[in-house]
């Protein structure tokens, strides 16, 4: 094998090509590769962040639903409590109204009894006057009159 000028020229051309490639082409490809790696890494990071965000959103949604259910249960409990209060208040008011009516009826009965007693006293007084009149027409005796008046007083009490 002879090393001739062609082989040396080819080696120098190849070396120049490698030098040109290392100096101009290789940095361009490295920059493209690094950009691509960065884009892929950013995409993976965004995907991971999206996954975490989805998990957080899912947890928050579950908590919101739980809070909503708890609040609804609380509102229902308050409504039931208020209903029970209203029933108790209605019972109390009905009882008070019944007591007022009972008191009014008792007062009316007391007034009627009082009126009846008064009417009875008037009738007794009228009878006493009529009896006294009859006694006076018959005889005038102080002892008999005193006994009759005492008897009338006992009857009136």
C-alpha atoms as a PDB file:
ATOM      1  CA  UNK A   1       0.000   0.000   0.000  1.00  0.00           C
ATOM      2  CA  UNK A   2       1.233   3.217  -0.994  1.00  0.00           C
ATOM      3  CA  UNK A   3       0.300   6.290   0.848  1.00  0.00           C
ATOM      4  CA  UNK A   4      -0.177   8.722  -1.800  1.00  0.00           C
ATOM      5  CA  UNK A   5      -1.291  12.243  -2.035  1.00  0.00           C
ATOM      6  CA  UNK A   6      -4.920  11.312  -2.608  1.00  0.00           C
ATOM      7  CA  UNK A   7      -5.128   9.456   0.642  1.00  0.00           C
ATOM      8  CA  UNK A   8      -3.526  12.351   2.497  1.00  0.00           C
ATOM      9  CA  UNK A   9      -5.845  14.800   0.749  1.00  0.00           C
ATOM     10  CA  UNK A  10      -8.851  12.667   1.676  1.00  0.00           C
ATOM     11  CA  UNK A  11      -7.636  12.475   5.288  1.00  0.00           C
ATOM     12  CA  UNK A  12      -7.146  16.240   5.417  1.00  0.00           C
ATOM     13  CA  UNK A  13     -10.545  16.814   3.823  1.00  0.00           C
ATOM     14  CA  UNK A  14     -12.109  14.403   6.318  1.00  0.00           C
ATOM     15  CA  UNK A  15     -10.361  16.150   9.193  1.00  0.00           C
ATOM     16  CA  UNK A  16     -11.539  19.528   7.868  1.00  0.00           C
ATOM     17  CA  UNK A  17     -15.056  18.125   7.571  1.00  0.00           C
ATOM     18  CA  UNK A  18     -14.912  16.828  11.169  1.00  0.00           C
ATOM     19  CA  UNK A  19     -13.519  20.196  12.340  1.00  0.00           C
ATOM     20  CA  UNK A  20     -16.259  22.087  10.454  1.00  0.00           C
ATOM     21  CA  UNK A  21     -18.889  19.716  11.828  1.00  0.00           C
ATOM     22  CA  UNK A  22     -17.596  20.033  15.404  1.00  0.00           C
ATOM     23  CA  UNK A  23     -17.331  23.809  15.169  1.00  0.00           C
ATOM     24  CA  UNK A  24     -20.532  24.727  13.273  1.00  0.00           C
ATOM     25  CA  UNK A  25     -22.935  21.807  12.812  1.00  0.00           C
ATOM     26  CA  UNK A  26     -22.529  19.935  16.122  1.00  0.00           C
ATOM     27  CA  UNK A  27     -23.392  22.928  18.375  1.00  0.00           C
ATOM     28  CA  UNK A  28     -26.519  23.536  16.290  1.00  0.00           C
ATOM     29  CA  UNK A  29     -27.627  19.902  16.735  1.00  0.00           C
ATOM     30  CA  UNK A  30     -26.722  19.993  20.452  1.00  0.00           C
ATOM     31  CA  UNK A  31     -28.802  23.161  20.853  1.00  0.00           C
ATOM     32  CA  UNK A  32     -31.732  21.481  19.050  1.00  0.00           C
ATOM     33  CA  UNK A  33     -31.349  18.354  21.203  1.00  0.00           C
ATOM     34  CA  UNK A  34     -31.164  20.427  24.404  1.00  0.00           C
ATOM     35  CA  UNK A  35     -34.232  22.431  23.364  1.00  0.00           C
ATOM     36  CA  UNK A  36     -36.075  19.210  22.619  1.00  0.00           C
ATOM     37  CA  UNK A  37     -35.004  17.735  25.965  1.00  0.00           C
ATOM     38  CA  UNK A  38     -36.100  20.927  27.689  1.00  0.00           C
ATOM     39  CA  UNK A  39     -39.446  20.849  25.870  1.00  0.00           C
ATOM     40  CA  UNK A  40     -39.944  17.204  26.829  1.00  0.00           C
ATOM     41  CA  UNK A  41     -38.924  17.908  30.452  1.00  0.00           C
ATOM     42  CA  UNK A  42     -41.279  20.891  30.582  1.00  0.00           C
ATOM     43  CA  UNK A  43     -44.053  18.753  29.124  1.00  0.00           C
ATOM     44  CA  UNK A  44     -43.439  16.000  31.708  1.00  0.00           C
ATOM     45  CA  UNK A  45     -43.318  18.577  34.501  1.00  0.00           C
ATOM     46  CA  UNK A  46     -46.533  20.159  33.236  1.00  0.00           C
ATOM     47  CA  UNK A  47     -48.143  16.722  33.041  1.00  0.00           C
ATOM     48  CA  UNK A  48     -47.027  15.930  36.586  1.00  0.00           C
ATOM     49  CA  UNK A  49     -48.257  19.313  37.783  1.00  0.00           C
ATOM     50  CA  UNK A  50     -51.543  18.750  35.961  1.00  0.00           C
ATOM     51  CA  UNK A  51     -51.855  15.348  37.628  1.00  0.00           C
ATOM     52  CA  UNK A  52     -51.235  16.909  41.065  1.00  0.00           C
ATOM     53  CA  UNK A  53     -53.638  19.717  40.243  1.00  0.00           C
ATOM     54  CA  UNK A  54     -56.260  17.164  39.209  1.00  0.00           C
ATOM     55  CA  UNK A  55     -55.770  15.251  42.473  1.00  0.00           C
ATOM     56  CA  UNK A  56     -56.054  18.486  44.466  1.00  0.00           C
ATOM     57  CA  UNK A  57     -59.148  19.526  42.518  1.00  0.00           C
ATOM     58  CA  UNK A  58     -60.674  16.083  43.041  1.00  0.00           C
ATOM     59  CA  UNK A  59     -60.022  16.309  46.796  1.00  0.00           C
ATOM     60  CA  UNK A  60     -61.428  19.839  46.920  1.00  0.00           C
ATOM     61  CA  UNK A  61     -64.509  18.768  44.987  1.00  0.00           C
ATOM     62  CA  UNK A  62     -65.012  15.833  47.370  1.00  0.00           C
ATOM     63  CA  UNK A  63     -64.600  18.169  50.346  1.00  0.00           C
ATOM     64  CA  UNK A  64     -67.025  20.662  48.826  1.00  0.00           C
ATOM     65  CA  UNK A  65     -69.588  17.909  48.264  1.00  0.00           C
ATOM     66  CA  UNK A  66     -69.067  16.690  51.848  1.00  0.00           C
ATOM     67  CA  UNK A  67     -69.430  20.234  53.188  1.00  0.00           C
ATOM     68  CA  UNK A  68     -72.568  20.693  51.098  1.00  0.00           C
ATOM     69  CA  UNK A  69     -74.040  17.479  52.463  1.00  0.00           C
ATOM     70  CA  UNK A  70     -73.086  18.426  56.006  1.00  0.00           C
ATOM     71  CA  UNK A  71     -74.627  21.863  55.533  1.00  0.00           C
ATOM     72  CA  UNK A  72     -77.781  20.326  54.082  1.00  0.00           C
ATOM     73  CA  UNK A  73     -77.984  17.940  57.049  1.00  0.00           C
ATOM     74  CA  UNK A  74     -77.490  20.882  59.396  1.00  0.00           C
ATOM     75  CA  UNK A  75     -80.224  22.870  57.664  1.00  0.00           C
ATOM     76  CA  UNK A  76     -82.572  19.880  57.847  1.00  0.00           C
ATOM     77  CA  UNK A  77     -81.770  19.445  61.549  1.00  0.00           C
ATOM     78  CA  UNK A  78     -82.451  23.148  62.162  1.00  0.00           C
ATOM     79  CA  UNK A  79     -85.713  22.897  60.235  1.00  0.00           C
ATOM     80  CA  UNK A  80     -86.777  19.885  62.292  1.00  0.00           C
ATOM     81  CA  UNK A  81     -85.818  21.694  65.491  1.00  0.00           C
ATOM     82  CA  UNK A  82     -87.752  24.791  64.399  1.00  0.00           C
ATOM     83  CA  UNK A  83     -90.736  22.606  63.518  1.00  0.00           C
ATOM     84  CA  UNK A  84     -90.641  21.061  66.981  1.00  0.00           C
ATOM     85  CA  UNK A  85     -90.409  24.549  68.499  1.00  0.00           C
ATOM     86  CA  UNK A  86     -93.361  25.737  66.438  1.00  0.00           C
ATOM     87  CA  UNK A  87     -95.412  22.711  67.532  1.00  0.00           C
ATOM     88  CA  UNK A  88     -94.484  23.381  71.173  1.00  0.00           C
ATOM     89  CA  UNK A  89     -95.329  27.070  70.773  1.00  0.00           C
ATOM     90  CA  UNK A  90     -98.656  26.171  69.181  1.00  0.00           C
ATOM     91  CA  UNK A  91     -99.402  23.791  72.058  1.00  0.00           C
ATOM     92  CA  UNK A  92     -98.464  26.451  74.582  1.00  0.00           C
ATOM     93  CA  UNK A  93    -100.594  29.061  72.827  1.00  0.00           C
ATOM     94  CA  UNK A  94    -103.518  26.638  72.603  1.00  0.00           C
ATOM     95  CA  UNK A  95    -103.125  25.823  76.296  1.00  0.00           C
ATOM     96  CA  UNK A  96    -102.980  29.526  77.157  1.00  0.00           C
ATOM     97  CA  UNK A  97    -106.029  30.220  75.011  1.00  0.00           C
ATOM     98  CA  UNK A  98    -107.845  27.343  76.744  1.00  0.00           C
ATOM     99  CA  UNK A  99    -106.843  28.708  80.147  1.00  0.00           C
ATOM    100  CA  UNK A 100    -108.040  32.197  79.159  1.00  0.00           C
ATOM    101  CA  UNK A 101    -111.370  30.793  77.967  1.00  0.00           C
ATOM    102  CA  UNK A 102    -111.642  28.725  81.133  1.00  0.00           C
ATOM    103  CA  UNK A 103    -110.888  31.790  83.279  1.00  0.00           C
ATOM    104  CA  UNK A 104    -113.421  33.832  81.302  1.00  0.00           C
ATOM    105  CA  UNK A 105    -116.020  31.092  81.723  1.00  0.00           C
ATOM    106  CA  UNK A 106    -115.281  30.870  85.460  1.00  0.00           C
ATOM    107  CA  UNK A 107    -115.567  34.650  85.770  1.00  0.00           C
ATOM    108  CA  UNK A 108    -118.866  34.564  83.903  1.00  0.00           C
ATOM    109  CA  UNK A 109    -120.115  31.765  86.158  1.00  0.00           C
ATOM    110  CA  UNK A 110    -119.026  33.752  89.219  1.00  0.00           C
ATOM    111  CA  UNK A 111    -120.897  36.808  87.892  1.00  0.00           C
ATOM    112  CA  UNK A 112    -124.010  34.736  87.221  1.00  0.00           C
ATOM    113  CA  UNK A 113    -123.802  33.213  90.724  1.00  0.00           C
ATOM    114  CA  UNK A 114    -123.387  36.711  92.144  1.00  0.00           C
ATOM    115  CA  UNK A 115    -126.374  37.968  90.154  1.00  0.00           C
ATOM    116  CA  UNK A 116    -128.423  34.974  91.239  1.00  0.00           C
ATOM    117  CA  UNK A 117    -127.501  35.595  94.909  1.00  0.00           C
ATOM    118  CA  UNK A 118    -128.368  39.255  94.540  1.00  0.00           C
ATOM    119  CA  UNK A 119    -131.693  38.384  92.949  1.00  0.00           C
ATOM    120  CA  UNK A 120    -132.306  35.851  95.697  1.00  0.00           C
ATOM    121  CA  UNK A 121    -131.480  38.455  98.370  1.00  0.00           C
ATOM    122  CA  UNK A 122    -133.889  40.886  96.764  1.00  0.00           C
ATOM    123  CA  UNK A 123    -136.597  38.228  96.748  1.00  0.00           C
ATOM    124  CA  UNK A 124    -135.815  37.310 100.369  1.00  0.00           C
ATOM    125  CA  UNK A 125    -135.881  40.968 101.319  1.00  0.00           C
ATOM    126  CA  UNK A 126    -139.200  41.359  99.547  1.00  0.00           C
ATOM    127  CA  UNK A 127    -140.518  38.275 101.350  1.00  0.00           C
ATOM    128  CA  UNK A 128    -139.165  39.602 104.652  1.00  0.00           C
ATOM    129  CA  UNK A 129    -140.909  42.906 104.114  1.00  0.00           C
ATOM    130  CA  UNK A 130    -144.105  41.093 103.147  1.00  0.00           C
ATOM    131  CA  UNK A 131    -143.771  38.843 106.209  1.00  0.00           C
ATOM    132  CA  UNK A 132    -143.065  41.807 108.426  1.00  0.00           C
ATOM    133  CA  UNK A 133    -146.037  43.583 106.999  1.00  0.00           C
ATOM    134  CA  UNK A 134    -148.232  40.610 107.765  1.00  0.00           C
ATOM    135  CA  UNK A 135    -146.837  40.343 111.257  1.00  0.00           C
ATOM    136  CA  UNK A 136    -147.373  44.003 111.903  1.00  0.00           C
ATOM    137  CA  UNK A 137    -150.942  43.763 110.799  1.00  0.00           C
ATOM    138  CA  UNK A 138    -151.588  40.894 113.102  1.00  0.00           C
ATOM    139  CA  UNK A 139    -149.902  42.043 116.225  1.00  0.00           C
ATOM    140  CA  UNK A 140    -147.239  44.303 117.443  1.00  0.00           C
ATOM    141  CA  UNK A 141    -144.986  42.223 119.673  1.00  0.00           C
ATOM    142  CA  UNK A 142    -141.295  43.250 119.990  1.00  0.00           C
ATOM    143  CA  UNK A 143    -140.059  39.845 121.108  1.00  0.00           C
ATOM    144  CA  UNK A 144    -141.659  38.008 118.193  1.00  0.00           C
ATOM    145  CA  UNK A 145    -140.357  40.610 115.770  1.00  0.00           C
ATOM    146  CA  UNK A 146    -136.796  40.244 117.124  1.00  0.00           C
ATOM    147  CA  UNK A 147    -136.951  36.463 116.766  1.00  0.00           C
ATOM    148  CA  UNK A 148    -138.229  36.715 113.207  1.00  0.00           C
ATOM    149  CA  UNK A 149    -135.540  39.238 112.240  1.00  0.00           C
ATOM    150  CA  UNK A 150    -132.796  37.062 113.780  1.00  0.00           C
ATOM    151  CA  UNK A 151    -134.116  34.057 111.886  1.00  0.00           C
ATOM    152  CA  UNK A 152    -134.106  36.072 108.644  1.00  0.00           C
ATOM    153  CA  UNK A 153    -130.499  37.148 109.282  1.00  0.00           C
ATOM    154  CA  UNK A 154    -129.421  33.526 109.735  1.00  0.00           C
ATOM    155  CA  UNK A 155    -131.168  32.526 106.536  1.00  0.00           C
ATOM    156  CA  UNK A 156    -129.575  35.330 104.543  1.00  0.00           C
ATOM    157  CA  UNK A 157    -126.065  34.358 105.512  1.00  0.00           C
END
